[in-house]
C-alpha cells in the first residue's frame, strides 16, 4: 500500500502560495479567517498544502464572503 507524503509550508511559503502577505496570513490565523494550520511543539506554524488548496477552492478571489 502506497502512502501519500504530506507537504507542509511555513507561513512565508504559504503566503506566497495563496497570494497574500505574510502579515495577512498571521492576522487571519488569529481571527480564524484563514486556512487551517498546525502549531508544532516548538511553536512554529505549518500549513498543509492540501489544506491550502481546499481553502483556495472555497475562497476564490472575487467570491462573496
N, C-alpha and C. Protein backbone atom coordinates (compact mmCIF):
# COMPACT_ATOMS: atom_id res chain seq x y z
N UNK A 1 0.84 -1.17 0.00
CA UNK A 1 0.00 0.00 0.00
C UNK A 1 0.90 1.25 0.00
N UNK A 2 0.62 2.16 -0.91
CA UNK A 2 1.43 3.37 -1.03
C UNK A 2 0.82 4.48 -0.19
N UNK A 3 1.67 5.14 0.61
CA UNK A 3 1.19 6.27 1.40
C UNK A 3 1.58 7.55 0.70
N UNK A 4 0.67 8.53 0.72
CA UNK A 4 0.99 9.81 0.12
C UNK A 4 1.72 10.67 1.15
N UNK A 5 2.72 11.36 0.70
CA UNK A 5 3.51 12.21 1.57
C UNK A 5 2.80 13.55 1.72
N UNK A 6 2.68 14.02 2.95
CA UNK A 6 2.08 15.32 3.19
C UNK A 6 3.15 16.37 3.05
N UNK A 7 2.79 17.48 2.45
CA UNK A 7 3.74 18.56 2.28
C UNK A 7 3.29 19.74 3.12
N UNK A 8 4.20 20.24 3.93
CA UNK A 8 3.90 21.36 4.82
C UNK A 8 4.71 22.58 4.44
N UNK A 9 4.09 23.75 4.55
CA UNK A 9 4.75 25.00 4.21
C UNK A 9 4.82 25.90 5.44
N UNK A 10 5.86 26.72 5.49
CA UNK A 10 5.94 27.74 6.53
C UNK A 10 4.92 28.83 6.22
N UNK A 11 4.74 29.76 7.14
CA UNK A 11 3.80 30.87 6.89
C UNK A 11 4.24 31.68 5.68
N UNK A 12 5.53 31.94 5.57
CA UNK A 12 6.05 32.71 4.44
C UNK A 12 5.78 31.98 3.12
N UNK A 13 6.04 30.69 3.08
CA UNK A 13 5.79 29.90 1.87
C UNK A 13 4.30 29.84 1.56
N UNK A 14 3.48 29.64 2.59
CA UNK A 14 2.04 29.55 2.40
C UNK A 14 1.47 30.87 1.90
N UNK A 15 1.97 31.98 2.42
CA UNK A 15 1.50 33.30 1.98
C UNK A 15 1.79 33.49 0.49
N UNK A 16 2.98 33.11 0.08
CA UNK A 16 3.34 33.22 -1.34
C UNK A 16 2.43 32.31 -2.18
N UNK A 17 2.14 31.12 -1.67
CA UNK A 17 1.33 30.14 -2.40
C UNK A 17 -0.10 30.63 -2.60
N UNK A 18 -0.71 31.23 -1.56
CA UNK A 18 -2.10 31.68 -1.68
C UNK A 18 -2.22 33.10 -2.23
N UNK A 19 -1.09 33.80 -2.33
CA UNK A 19 -1.11 35.13 -2.94
C UNK A 19 -1.46 36.26 -1.99
N UNK A 20 -1.22 36.06 -0.70
CA UNK A 20 -1.46 37.10 0.29
C UNK A 20 -0.16 37.33 1.05
N UNK A 21 -0.09 38.42 1.78
CA UNK A 21 1.13 38.71 2.53
C UNK A 21 1.25 37.83 3.77
N UNK A 22 2.47 37.73 4.25
CA UNK A 22 2.78 37.02 5.49
C UNK A 22 1.93 37.59 6.62
N UNK A 23 1.87 38.91 6.72
CA UNK A 23 1.12 39.58 7.79
C UNK A 23 -0.38 39.27 7.70
N UNK A 24 -0.92 39.22 6.49
CA UNK A 24 -2.34 38.89 6.31
C UNK A 24 -2.62 37.49 6.81
N UNK A 25 -1.77 36.55 6.47
CA UNK A 25 -1.96 35.17 6.94
C UNK A 25 -1.87 35.10 8.46
N UNK A 26 -0.94 35.84 9.06
CA UNK A 26 -0.84 35.89 10.52
C UNK A 26 -2.11 36.45 11.14
N UNK A 27 -2.62 37.52 10.59
CA UNK A 27 -3.84 38.15 11.10
C UNK A 27 -5.02 37.19 10.97
N UNK A 28 -5.15 36.58 9.82
CA UNK A 28 -6.25 35.64 9.62
C UNK A 28 -6.15 34.45 10.56
N UNK A 29 -4.94 34.03 10.87
CA UNK A 29 -4.75 32.91 11.80
C UNK A 29 -5.30 33.27 13.18
N UNK A 30 -5.08 34.50 13.62
CA UNK A 30 -5.55 34.90 14.95
C UNK A 30 -7.06 35.16 14.98
N UNK A 31 -7.65 35.46 13.83
CA UNK A 31 -9.09 35.73 13.79
C UNK A 31 -9.90 34.52 13.31
N UNK A 32 -9.21 33.44 12.90
CA UNK A 32 -9.91 32.25 12.45
C UNK A 32 -10.43 32.33 11.03
N UNK A 33 -9.99 33.32 10.28
CA UNK A 33 -10.48 33.51 8.92
C UNK A 33 -9.69 32.72 7.88
N UNK A 34 -8.44 32.46 8.13
CA UNK A 34 -7.56 31.85 7.14
C UNK A 34 -7.64 30.35 7.07
N UNK A 35 -6.73 29.78 6.29
CA UNK A 35 -6.69 28.32 6.14
C UNK A 35 -6.26 27.63 7.43
N UNK A 36 -6.61 26.35 7.54
CA UNK A 36 -6.22 25.57 8.72
C UNK A 36 -4.70 25.47 8.78
N UNK A 37 -4.20 25.39 10.00
CA UNK A 37 -2.76 25.33 10.20
C UNK A 37 -2.44 24.40 11.36
N UNK A 38 -1.18 24.05 11.48
CA UNK A 38 -0.71 23.24 12.60
C UNK A 38 0.29 24.06 13.40
N UNK A 39 0.20 23.98 14.71
CA UNK A 39 1.21 24.60 15.57
C UNK A 39 2.05 23.46 16.13
N UNK A 40 3.30 23.43 15.77
CA UNK A 40 4.20 22.39 16.21
C UNK A 40 4.58 22.59 17.68
N UNK A 41 5.14 21.55 18.29
CA UNK A 41 5.53 21.62 19.70
C UNK A 41 6.50 22.77 19.98
N UNK A 42 7.31 23.11 18.99
CA UNK A 42 8.27 24.20 19.17
C UNK A 42 7.65 25.57 18.91
N UNK A 43 6.33 25.59 18.65
CA UNK A 43 5.61 26.85 18.42
C UNK A 43 5.56 27.29 16.97
N UNK A 44 6.31 26.64 16.11
CA UNK A 44 6.30 27.01 14.69
C UNK A 44 4.96 26.63 14.05
N UNK A 45 4.58 27.39 13.06
CA UNK A 45 3.32 27.18 12.34
C UNK A 45 3.62 26.53 11.00
N UNK A 46 2.79 25.57 10.63
CA UNK A 46 2.89 24.95 9.31
C UNK A 46 1.50 24.82 8.70
N UNK A 47 1.46 24.94 7.38
CA UNK A 47 0.23 24.79 6.61
C UNK A 47 0.40 23.59 5.69
N UNK A 48 -0.57 22.70 5.70
CA UNK A 48 -0.53 21.56 4.80
C UNK A 48 -0.98 22.01 3.42
N UNK A 49 -0.22 21.65 2.41
CA UNK A 49 -0.51 22.08 1.04
C UNK A 49 -1.93 21.71 0.62
N UNK A 50 -2.37 20.52 0.98
CA UNK A 50 -3.73 20.08 0.63
C UNK A 50 -4.79 20.98 1.27
N UNK A 51 -4.55 21.42 2.50
CA UNK A 51 -5.49 22.33 3.17
C UNK A 51 -5.51 23.70 2.50
N UNK A 52 -4.35 24.16 2.06
CA UNK A 52 -4.30 25.44 1.35
C UNK A 52 -5.10 25.37 0.05
N UNK A 53 -4.94 24.27 -0.67
CA UNK A 53 -5.69 24.10 -1.92
C UNK A 53 -7.20 24.08 -1.66
N UNK A 54 -7.62 23.39 -0.61
CA UNK A 54 -9.05 23.33 -0.26
C UNK A 54 -9.55 24.72 0.12
N UNK A 55 -8.77 25.45 0.89
CA UNK A 55 -9.16 26.80 1.31
C UNK A 55 -9.26 27.73 0.10
N UNK A 56 -8.30 27.62 -0.81
CA UNK A 56 -8.34 28.45 -2.02
C UNK A 56 -9.56 28.13 -2.87
N UNK A 57 -9.93 26.87 -2.94
CA UNK A 57 -11.11 26.47 -3.72
C UNK A 57 -12.37 27.13 -3.18
N UNK A 58 -12.48 27.19 -1.87
CA UNK A 58 -13.66 27.78 -1.23
C UNK A 58 -13.61 29.31 -1.23
N UNK A 59 -12.42 29.86 -1.16
CA UNK A 59 -12.24 31.32 -1.02
C UNK A 59 -11.58 31.94 -2.24
N UNK A 60 -12.08 31.61 -3.39
CA UNK A 60 -11.51 32.17 -4.62
C UNK A 60 -11.63 33.70 -4.61
N UNK A 61 -10.60 34.39 -5.12
CA UNK A 61 -10.68 35.86 -5.22
C UNK A 61 -11.91 36.30 -6.00
N UNK A 62 -12.57 37.34 -5.50
CA UNK A 62 -13.76 37.86 -6.15
C UNK A 62 -15.04 37.18 -5.72
N UNK A 63 -14.95 36.14 -4.91
CA UNK A 63 -16.11 35.42 -4.43
C UNK A 63 -16.62 36.09 -3.17
N UNK A 64 -17.92 36.27 -3.07
CA UNK A 64 -18.51 36.92 -1.89
C UNK A 64 -18.25 36.07 -0.65
N UNK A 65 -18.00 36.77 0.46
CA UNK A 65 -17.72 36.06 1.72
C UNK A 65 -18.97 35.55 2.39
